C-alpha atoms as a PDB file:
ATOM      1  CA  MET A   1      90.866  84.812 111.903  1.00  0.00           C
ATOM      2  CA  ARG A   2      89.863  84.360 108.601  1.00  0.00           C
ATOM      3  CA  TYR A   3      89.557  87.045 105.733  1.00  0.00           C
ATOM      4  CA  GLU A   4      88.453  87.609 102.209  1.00  0.00           C
ATOM      5  CA  ILE A   5      91.110  89.959 100.000  1.00  0.00           C
ATOM      6  CA  ARG A   6      89.554  90.613  96.118  1.00  0.00           C
ATOM      7  CA  VAL A   7      92.409  92.095  94.139  1.00  0.00           C
ATOM      8  CA  GLU A   8      91.673  93.349  91.024  1.00  0.00           C
ATOM      9  CA  GLY A   9      92.314  91.587  87.999  1.00  0.00           C
ATOM     10  CA  GLN A  10      93.270  87.726  87.564  1.00  0.00           C
ATOM     11  CA  MET A  11      96.713  86.919  89.360  1.00  0.00           C
ATOM     12  CA  SER A  12      98.945  84.565  87.383  1.00  0.00           C
ATOM     13  CA  GLU A  13     100.545  81.149  89.315  1.00  0.00           C
ATOM     14  CA  THR A  14     103.489  82.730  90.092  1.00  0.00           C
ATOM     15  CA  LEU A  15     101.994  85.889  92.224  1.00  0.00           C
ATOM     16  CA  SER A  16      99.883  83.506  93.484  1.00  0.00           C
ATOM     17  CA  ALA A  17     102.895  81.837  94.763  1.00  0.00           C
ATOM     18  CA  ALA A  18     103.615  84.741  97.213  1.00  0.00           C
ATOM     19  CA  PHE A  19     100.593  84.245  99.408  1.00  0.00           C
ATOM     20  CA  PRO A  20     101.163  80.390 100.008  1.00  0.00           C
ATOM     21  CA  GLU A  21      98.588  80.832 103.070  1.00  0.00           C
ATOM     22  CA  LEU A  22      96.082  81.967 101.326  1.00  0.00           C
ATOM     23  CA  ASP A  23      93.250  80.051  98.783  1.00  0.00           C
ATOM     24  CA  THR A  24      92.998  81.754  95.559  1.00  0.00           C
ATOM     25  CA  SER A  25      90.219  81.926  93.256  1.00  0.00           C
ATOM     26  CA  LEU A  26      88.944  83.653  90.255  1.00  0.00           C
ATOM     27  CA  ALA A  27      86.041  85.638  90.122  1.00  0.00           C
ATOM     28  CA  PRO A  28      85.120  88.260  86.960  1.00  0.00           C
ATOM     29  CA  ARG A  29      88.157  90.937  86.654  1.00  0.00           C
ATOM     30  CA  GLN A  30      89.198  89.905  90.347  1.00  0.00           C
ATOM     31  CA  THR A  31      91.032  87.521  92.295  1.00  0.00           C
ATOM     32  CA  VAL A  32      89.959  86.300  95.671  1.00  0.00           C
ATOM     33  CA  LEU A  33      92.371  85.389  98.090  1.00  0.00           C
ATOM     34  CA  SER A  34      91.174  83.710 101.353  1.00  0.00           C
ATOM     35  CA  GLY A  35      92.483  82.639 104.462  1.00  0.00           C
ATOM     36  CA  GLU A  36      93.602  82.218 108.330  1.00  0.00           C
ATOM     37  CA  VAL A  37      95.197  85.396 109.361  1.00  0.00           C
ATOM     38  CA  THR A  38      97.018  84.658 112.572  1.00  0.00           C
ATOM     39  CA  ASP A  39      97.247  88.412 114.111  1.00  0.00           C
ATOM     40  CA  GLU A  40      97.513  91.829 113.163  1.00  0.00           C
ATOM     41  CA  ALA A  41     101.161  92.157 112.180  1.00  0.00           C
ATOM     42  CA  HIS A  42     100.175  88.994 109.627  1.00  0.00           C
ATOM     43  CA  LEU A  43      97.468  91.119 108.067  1.00  0.00           C
ATOM     44  CA  TYR A  44      99.580  94.138 107.672  1.00  0.00           C
ATOM     45  CA  GLY A  45     102.653  92.047 106.110  1.00  0.00           C
ATOM     46  CA  LEU A  46      99.774  90.685 103.855  1.00  0.00           C
ATOM     47  CA  LEU A  47      98.999  94.284 102.554  1.00  0.00           C
ATOM     48  CA  ALA A  48     102.326  95.297 102.306  1.00  0.00           C
ATOM     49  CA  ARG A  49     103.120  92.059 100.316  1.00  0.00           C
ATOM     50  CA  PHE A  50      99.929  92.953  97.622  1.00  0.00           C
ATOM     51  CA  GLN A  51     101.587  96.645  97.438  1.00  0.00           C
ATOM     52  CA  SER A  52     104.757  95.408  96.749  1.00  0.00           C
ATOM     53  CA  LEU A  53     104.051  93.709  94.004  1.00  0.00           C
ATOM     54  CA  GLY A  54     101.877  96.117  92.709  1.00  0.00           C
ATOM     55  CA  LEU A  55      98.489  94.855  93.510  1.00  0.00           C
ATOM     56  CA  HIS A  56      95.710  96.710  93.827  1.00  0.00           C
ATOM     57  CA  VAL A  57      93.548  95.293  96.984  1.00  0.00           C
ATOM     58  CA  VAL A  58      89.982  96.007  95.993  1.00  0.00           C
ATOM     59  CA  GLU A  59      87.738  94.608  99.031  1.00  0.00           C
ATOM     60  CA  MET A  60      89.220  93.167 102.464  1.00  0.00           C
ATOM     61  CA  ARG A  61      86.725  92.056 104.827  1.00  0.00           C
ATOM     62  CA  ARG A  62      86.868  89.508 107.617  1.00  0.00           C
ATOM     63  CA  LEU A  63      84.730  86.353 107.340  1.00  0.00           C
ATOM     64  CA  PRO A  64      82.258  84.971 110.584  1.00  0.00           C
ATOM     65  CA  ALA A  65      84.032  82.558 112.197  1.00  0.00           C
END
């Protein structure tokens, strides 16, 4: 499953490095992370990582295969 996750603000390279399995790109006032999510446990782990780093997820969606 491929997901796109949009985070409020522009993440630094250091914060982006906390998500090595995701590709990172910048949009106006947001950071867009996308990539393969292997299963539900991986997805919840990513969300927990965002929360623990104080990042605000503004949108998350599953991309078509």
